[in-house]
């Protein structure tokens, strides 16, 4: 799989696309709904990665994040 060289993350790009549509809460439009689903998926991935790193660090990670 090729490495992405984009300057902005997928999450920020999706946020821009979603805000450009102007109707974030209108769930009837399939395209907007798909964008919102992709954004939520990226957010879940980011949070899961942070949690995995925190757990992998063990007690050292606990001290580092609380400081």
PDB file of N, CA and C in Angstrom:
ATOM      1  N   UNK A   1       0.833  -1.167   0.000  1.00  0.00           N
ATOM      2  CA  UNK A   1       0.000   0.000   0.000  1.00  0.00           C
ATOM      3  C   UNK A   1       0.884   1.239   0.000  1.00  0.00           C
ATOM      4  N   UNK A   2       0.554   2.197  -0.841  1.00  0.00           N
ATOM      5  CA  UNK A   2       1.367   3.400  -0.971  1.00  0.00           C
ATOM      6  C   UNK A   2       1.153   4.336   0.206  1.00  0.00           C
ATOM      7  N   UNK A   3       2.205   5.079   0.507  1.00  0.00           N
ATOM      8  CA  UNK A   3       2.134   6.014   1.622  1.00  0.00           C
ATOM      9  C   UNK A   3       1.469   7.312   1.152  1.00  0.00           C
ATOM     10  N   UNK A   4       0.582   7.861   1.962  1.00  0.00           N
ATOM     11  CA  UNK A   4      -0.090   9.108   1.605  1.00  0.00           C
ATOM     12  C   UNK A   4       0.831  10.282   1.866  1.00  0.00           C
ATOM     13  N   UNK A   5       0.891  11.206   0.927  1.00  0.00           N
ATOM     14  CA  UNK A   5       1.756  12.367   1.088  1.00  0.00           C
ATOM     15  C   UNK A   5       0.929  13.651   1.210  1.00  0.00           C
ATOM     16  N   UNK A   6      -0.315  13.515   1.563  1.00  0.00           N
ATOM     17  CA  UNK A   6      -1.184  14.678   1.689  1.00  0.00           C
ATOM     18  C   UNK A   6      -0.757  15.533   2.873  1.00  0.00           C
ATOM     19  N   UNK A   7      -0.817  16.849   2.687  1.00  0.00           N
ATOM     20  CA  UNK A   7      -0.427  17.770   3.747  1.00  0.00           C
ATOM     21  C   UNK A   7      -1.467  17.782   4.867  1.00  0.00           C
ATOM     22  N   UNK A   8      -2.728  17.583   4.518  1.00  0.00           N
ATOM     23  CA  UNK A   8      -3.775  17.580   5.536  1.00  0.00           C
ATOM     24  C   UNK A   8      -4.311  16.170   5.723  1.00  0.00           C
ATOM     25  N   UNK A   9      -4.781  15.889   6.910  1.00  0.00           N
ATOM     26  CA  UNK A   9      -5.273  14.551   7.210  1.00  0.00           C
ATOM     27  C   UNK A   9      -6.631  14.317   6.547  1.00  0.00           C
ATOM     28  N   UNK A  10      -7.014  13.055   6.511  1.00  0.00           N
ATOM     29  CA  UNK A  10      -8.318  12.698   5.949  1.00  0.00           C
ATOM     30  C   UNK A  10      -9.435  13.359   6.735  1.00  0.00           C
ATOM     31  N   UNK A  11      -9.220  13.437   8.034  1.00  0.00           N
ATOM     32  CA  UNK A  11     -10.253  14.002   8.900  1.00  0.00           C
ATOM     33  C   UNK A  11     -10.519  15.477   8.570  1.00  0.00           C
ATOM     34  N   UNK A  12      -9.461  16.264   8.413  1.00  0.00           N
ATOM     35  CA  UNK A  12      -9.660  17.689   8.110  1.00  0.00           C
ATOM     36  C   UNK A  12     -10.250  17.861   6.719  1.00  0.00           C
ATOM     37  N   UNK A  13      -9.828  17.016   5.786  1.00  0.00           N
ATOM     38  CA  UNK A  13     -10.364  17.113   4.430  1.00  0.00           C
ATOM     39  C   UNK A  13     -11.862  16.810   4.418  1.00  0.00           C
ATOM     40  N   UNK A  14     -12.272  15.786   5.184  1.00  0.00           N
ATOM     41  CA  UNK A  14     -13.686  15.437   5.253  1.00  0.00           C
ATOM     42  C   UNK A  14     -14.493  16.529   5.949  1.00  0.00           C
ATOM     43  N   UNK A  15     -13.906  17.147   6.994  1.00  0.00           N
ATOM     44  CA  UNK A  15     -14.596  18.237   7.675  1.00  0.00           C
ATOM     45  C   UNK A  15     -14.846  19.399   6.732  1.00  0.00           C
ATOM     46  N   UNK A  16     -13.859  19.701   5.895  1.00  0.00           N
ATOM     47  CA  UNK A  16     -14.009  20.791   4.926  1.00  0.00           C
ATOM     48  C   UNK A  16     -15.112  20.480   3.916  1.00  0.00           C
ATOM     49  N   UNK A  17     -15.110  19.240   3.423  1.00  0.00           N
ATOM     50  CA  UNK A  17     -16.139  18.841   2.455  1.00  0.00           C
ATOM     51  C   UNK A  17     -17.520  18.925   3.075  1.00  0.00           C
ATOM     52  N   UNK A  18     -17.628  18.474   4.315  1.00  0.00           N
ATOM     53  CA  UNK A  18     -18.913  18.453   4.995  1.00  0.00           C
ATOM     54  C   UNK A  18     -19.415  19.864   5.251  1.00  0.00           C
ATOM     55  N   UNK A  19     -18.514  20.761   5.661  1.00  0.00           N
ATOM     56  CA  UNK A  19     -18.934  22.135   5.926  1.00  0.00           C
ATOM     57  C   UNK A  19     -19.257  22.872   4.626  1.00  0.00           C
ATOM     58  N   UNK A  20     -18.641  22.458   3.527  1.00  0.00           N
ATOM     59  CA  UNK A  20     -18.919  23.091   2.241  1.00  0.00           C
ATOM     60  C   UNK A  20     -20.331  22.775   1.759  1.00  0.00           C
ATOM     61  N   UNK A  21     -20.868  21.636   2.177  1.00  0.00           N
ATOM     62  CA  UNK A  21     -22.219  21.286   1.760  1.00  0.00           C
ATOM     63  C   UNK A  21     -23.244  22.193   2.437  1.00  0.00           C
ATOM     64  N   UNK A  22     -22.923  22.664   3.647  1.00  0.00           N
ATOM     65  CA  UNK A  22     -23.792  23.607   4.331  1.00  0.00           C
ATOM     66  C   UNK A  22     -24.964  22.992   5.049  1.00  0.00           C
ATOM     67  N   UNK A  23     -25.179  21.714   4.876  1.00  0.00           N
ATOM     68  CA  UNK A  23     -26.325  21.070   5.530  1.00  0.00           C
ATOM     69  C   UNK A  23     -25.853  19.818   6.247  1.00  0.00           C
ATOM     70  N   UNK A  24     -25.079  20.019   7.297  1.00  0.00           N
ATOM     71  CA  UNK A  24     -24.482  18.905   8.036  1.00  0.00           C
ATOM     72  C   UNK A  24     -25.538  18.012   8.681  1.00  0.00           C
ATOM     73  N   UNK A  25     -26.617  18.595   9.161  1.00  0.00           N
ATOM     74  CA  UNK A  25     -27.607  17.812   9.905  1.00  0.00           C
ATOM     75  C   UNK A  25     -28.693  17.222   9.022  1.00  0.00           C
ATOM     76  N   UNK A  26     -28.728  17.595   7.755  1.00  0.00           N
ATOM     77  CA  UNK A  26     -29.751  17.048   6.870  1.00  0.00           C
ATOM     78  C   UNK A  26     -29.352  15.636   6.469  1.00  0.00           C
ATOM     79  N   UNK A  27     -29.934  14.656   7.085  1.00  0.00           N
ATOM     80  CA  UNK A  27     -29.562  13.273   6.845  1.00  0.00           C
ATOM     81  C   UNK A  27     -30.204  12.677   5.615  1.00  0.00           C
ATOM     82  N   UNK A  28     -31.082  13.428   4.940  1.00  0.00           N
ATOM     83  CA  UNK A  28     -31.794  12.873   3.802  1.00  0.00           C
ATOM     84  C   UNK A  28     -30.890  12.740   2.579  1.00  0.00           C
ATOM     85  N   UNK A  29     -29.909  13.609   2.438  1.00  0.00           N
ATOM     86  CA  UNK A  29     -29.021  13.563   1.288  1.00  0.00           C
ATOM     87  C   UNK A  29     -28.003  12.438   1.474  1.00  0.00           C
ATOM     88  N   UNK A  30     -27.964  11.514   0.551  1.00  0.00           N
ATOM     89  CA  UNK A  30     -27.101  10.340   0.680  1.00  0.00           C
ATOM     90  C   UNK A  30     -25.625  10.719   0.651  1.00  0.00           C
ATOM     91  N   UNK A  31     -25.255  11.698  -0.156  1.00  0.00           N
ATOM     92  CA  UNK A  31     -23.853  12.099  -0.259  1.00  0.00           C
ATOM     93  C   UNK A  31     -23.360  12.697   1.058  1.00  0.00           C
ATOM     94  N   UNK A  32     -24.199  13.525   1.672  1.00  0.00           N
ATOM     95  CA  UNK A  32     -23.830  14.148   2.946  1.00  0.00           C
ATOM     96  C   UNK A  32     -23.734  13.087   4.028  1.00  0.00           C
ATOM     97  N   UNK A  33     -24.644  12.140   4.000  1.00  0.00           N
ATOM     98  CA  UNK A  33     -24.635  11.064   4.986  1.00  0.00           C
ATOM     99  C   UNK A  33     -23.364  10.226   4.844  1.00  0.00           C
ATOM    100  N   UNK A  34     -22.975   9.946   3.617  1.00  0.00           N
ATOM    101  CA  UNK A  34     -21.760   9.161   3.381  1.00  0.00           C
ATOM    102  C   UNK A  34     -20.527   9.911   3.863  1.00  0.00           C
ATOM    103  N   UNK A  35     -20.476  11.218   3.622  1.00  0.00           N
ATOM    104  CA  UNK A  35     -19.355  12.030   4.095  1.00  0.00           C
ATOM    105  C   UNK A  35     -19.271  12.003   5.610  1.00  0.00           C
ATOM    106  N   UNK A  36     -20.429  12.151   6.252  1.00  0.00           N
ATOM    107  CA  UNK A  36     -20.462  12.171   7.713  1.00  0.00           C
ATOM    108  C   UNK A  36     -20.017  10.818   8.283  1.00  0.00           C
ATOM    109  N   UNK A  37     -20.433   9.725   7.618  1.00  0.00           N
ATOM    110  CA  UNK A  37     -20.033   8.395   8.063  1.00  0.00           C
ATOM    111  C   UNK A  37     -18.523   8.210   7.926  1.00  0.00           C
ATOM    112  N   UNK A  38     -17.943   8.689   6.825  1.00  0.00           N
ATOM    113  CA  UNK A  38     -16.495   8.579   6.625  1.00  0.00           C
ATOM    114  C   UNK A  38     -15.744   9.396   7.662  1.00  0.00           C
ATOM    115  N   UNK A  39     -16.280  10.582   7.985  1.00  0.00           N
ATOM    116  CA  UNK A  39     -15.648  11.427   8.996  1.00  0.00           C
ATOM    117  C   UNK A  39     -15.655  10.739  10.351  1.00  0.00           C
ATOM    118  N   UNK A  40     -16.792  10.173  10.733  1.00  0.00           N
ATOM    119  CA  UNK A  40     -16.893   9.481  12.017  1.00  0.00           C
ATOM    120  C   UNK A  40     -15.947   8.280  12.063  1.00  0.00           C
ATOM    121  N   UNK A  41     -15.803   7.568  10.937  1.00  0.00           N
ATOM    122  CA  UNK A  41     -14.900   6.423  10.884  1.00  0.00           C
ATOM    123  C   UNK A  41     -13.456   6.871  11.120  1.00  0.00           C
ATOM    124  N   UNK A  42     -13.054   7.972  10.493  1.00  0.00           N
ATOM    125  CA  UNK A  42     -11.701   8.496  10.688  1.00  0.00           C
ATOM    126  C   UNK A  42     -11.474   8.915  12.131  1.00  0.00           C
ATOM    127  N   UNK A  43     -12.486   9.525  12.752  1.00  0.00           N
ATOM    128  CA  UNK A  43     -12.367   9.945  14.145  1.00  0.00           C
ATOM    129  C   UNK A  43     -12.216   8.733  15.060  1.00  0.00           C
ATOM    130  N   UNK A  44     -12.976   7.665  14.780  1.00  0.00           N
ATOM    131  CA  UNK A  44     -12.858   6.439  15.573  1.00  0.00           C
ATOM    132  C   UNK A  44     -11.466   5.842  15.437  1.00  0.00           C
ATOM    133  N   UNK A  45     -10.932   5.842  14.217  1.00  0.00           N
ATOM    134  CA  UNK A  45      -9.589   5.303  13.995  1.00  0.00           C
ATOM    135  C   UNK A  45      -8.552   6.086  14.777  1.00  0.00           C
ATOM    136  N   UNK A  46      -8.650   7.414  14.754  1.00  0.00           N
ATOM    137  CA  UNK A  46      -7.693   8.257  15.457  1.00  0.00           C
ATOM    138  C   UNK A  46      -7.756   8.008  16.957  1.00  0.00           C
ATOM    139  N   UNK A  47      -8.969   7.942  17.496  1.00  0.00           N
ATOM    140  CA  UNK A  47      -9.125   7.705  18.932  1.00  0.00           C
ATOM    141  C   UNK A  47      -8.628   6.320  19.331  1.00  0.00           C
ATOM    142  N   UNK A  48      -8.912   5.316  18.507  1.00  0.00           N
ATOM    143  CA  UNK A  48      -8.472   3.953  18.800  1.00  0.00           C
ATOM    144  C   UNK A  48      -6.952   3.868  18.787  1.00  0.00           C
ATOM    145  N   UNK A  49      -6.320   4.555  17.850  1.00  0.00           N
ATOM    146  CA  UNK A  49      -4.861   4.549  17.784  1.00  0.00           C
ATOM    147  C   UNK A  49      -4.262   5.197  19.024  1.00  0.00           C
ATOM    148  N   UNK A  50      -4.831   6.312  19.460  1.00  0.00           N
ATOM    149  CA  UNK A  50      -4.339   6.985  20.660  1.00  0.00           C
ATOM    150  C   UNK A  50      -4.486   6.089  21.880  1.00  0.00           C
ATOM    151  N   UNK A  51      -5.606   5.375  21.964  1.00  0.00           N
ATOM    152  CA  UNK A  51      -5.839   4.486  23.093  1.00  0.00           C
ATOM    153  C   UNK A  51      -4.875   3.297  23.075  1.00  0.00           C
ATOM    154  N   UNK A  52      -4.625   2.748  21.875  1.00  0.00           N
ATOM    155  CA  UNK A  52      -3.667   1.648  21.761  1.00  0.00           C
ATOM    156  C   UNK A  52      -2.273   2.080  22.185  1.00  0.00           C
ATOM    157  N   UNK A  53      -1.867   3.277  21.770  1.00  0.00           N
ATOM    158  CA  UNK A  53      -0.546   3.778  22.147  1.00  0.00           C
ATOM    159  C   UNK A  53      -0.452   3.986  23.656  1.00  0.00           C
ATOM    160  N   UNK A  54      -1.540   4.499  24.241  1.00  0.00           N
ATOM    161  CA  UNK A  54      -1.565   4.733  25.687  1.00  0.00           C
ATOM    162  C   UNK A  54      -1.444   3.414  26.443  1.00  0.00           C
ATOM    163  N   UNK A  55      -2.185   2.395  26.002  1.00  0.00           N
ATOM    164  CA  UNK A  55      -2.134   1.102  26.661  1.00  0.00           C
ATOM    165  C   UNK A  55      -0.781   0.418  26.459  1.00  0.00           C
ATOM    166  N   UNK A  56      -0.190   0.612  25.281  1.00  0.00           N
ATOM    167  CA  UNK A  56       1.095  -0.009  25.002  1.00  0.00           C
ATOM    168  C   UNK A  56       2.201   0.605  25.853  1.00  0.00           C
ATOM    169  N   UNK A  57       2.056   1.886  26.188  1.00  0.00           N
ATOM    170  CA  UNK A  57       3.068   2.557  26.990  1.00  0.00           C
ATOM    171  C   UNK A  57       3.016   2.104  28.441  1.00  0.00           C
ATOM    172  N   UNK A  58       1.893   1.596  28.870  1.00  0.00           N
ATOM    173  CA  UNK A  58       1.753   1.114  30.248  1.00  0.00           C
ATOM    174  C   UNK A  58       1.773   2.258  31.241  1.00  0.00           C
ATOM    175  N   UNK A  59       2.440   2.038  32.369  1.00  0.00           N
ATOM    176  CA  UNK A  59       2.457   3.069  33.423  1.00  0.00           C
ATOM    177  C   UNK A  59       3.284   4.271  33.006  1.00  0.00           C
ATOM    178  N   UNK A  60       4.261   4.075  32.112  1.00  0.00           N
ATOM    179  CA  UNK A  60       5.040   5.207  31.613  1.00  0.00           C
ATOM    180  C   UNK A  60       4.142   6.167  30.828  1.00  0.00           C
ATOM    181  N   UNK A  61       3.233   5.603  30.038  1.00  0.00           N
ATOM    182  CA  UNK A  61       2.317   6.421  29.256  1.00  0.00           C
ATOM    183  C   UNK A  61       1.353   7.169  30.148  1.00  0.00           C
ATOM    184  N   UNK A  62       0.974   6.532  31.268  1.00  0.00           N
ATOM    185  CA  UNK A  62       0.087   7.189  32.222  1.00  0.00           C
ATOM    186  C   UNK A  62       0.735   8.444  32.812  1.00  0.00           C
ATOM    187  N   UNK A  63       1.981   8.311  33.194  1.00  0.00           N
ATOM    188  CA  UNK A  63       2.690   9.446  33.797  1.00  0.00           C
ATOM    189  C   UNK A  63       2.904  10.546  32.765  1.00  0.00           C
ATOM    190  N   UNK A  64       3.161  10.141  31.531  1.00  0.00           N
ATOM    191  CA  UNK A  64       3.447  11.124  30.492  1.00  0.00           C
ATOM    192  C   UNK A  64       2.199  11.929  30.127  1.00  0.00           C
ATOM    193  N   UNK A  65       1.041  11.283  30.039  1.00  0.00           N
ATOM    194  CA  UNK A  65      -0.172  11.984  29.656  1.00  0.00           C
ATOM    195  C   UNK A  65      -0.718  12.847  30.769  1.00  0.00           C
ATOM    196  N   UNK A  66      -0.488  12.444  32.031  1.00  0.00           N
ATOM    197  CA  UNK A  66      -1.022  13.226  33.145  1.00  0.00           C
ATOM    198  C   UNK A  66      -0.144  14.424  33.467  1.00  0.00           C
ATOM    199  N   UNK A  67       1.086  14.434  33.033  1.00  0.00           N
ATOM    200  CA  UNK A  67       2.006  15.541  33.334  1.00  0.00           C
ATOM    201  C   UNK A  67       1.736  16.757  32.481  1.00  0.00           C
TER     202      UNK A  67
END
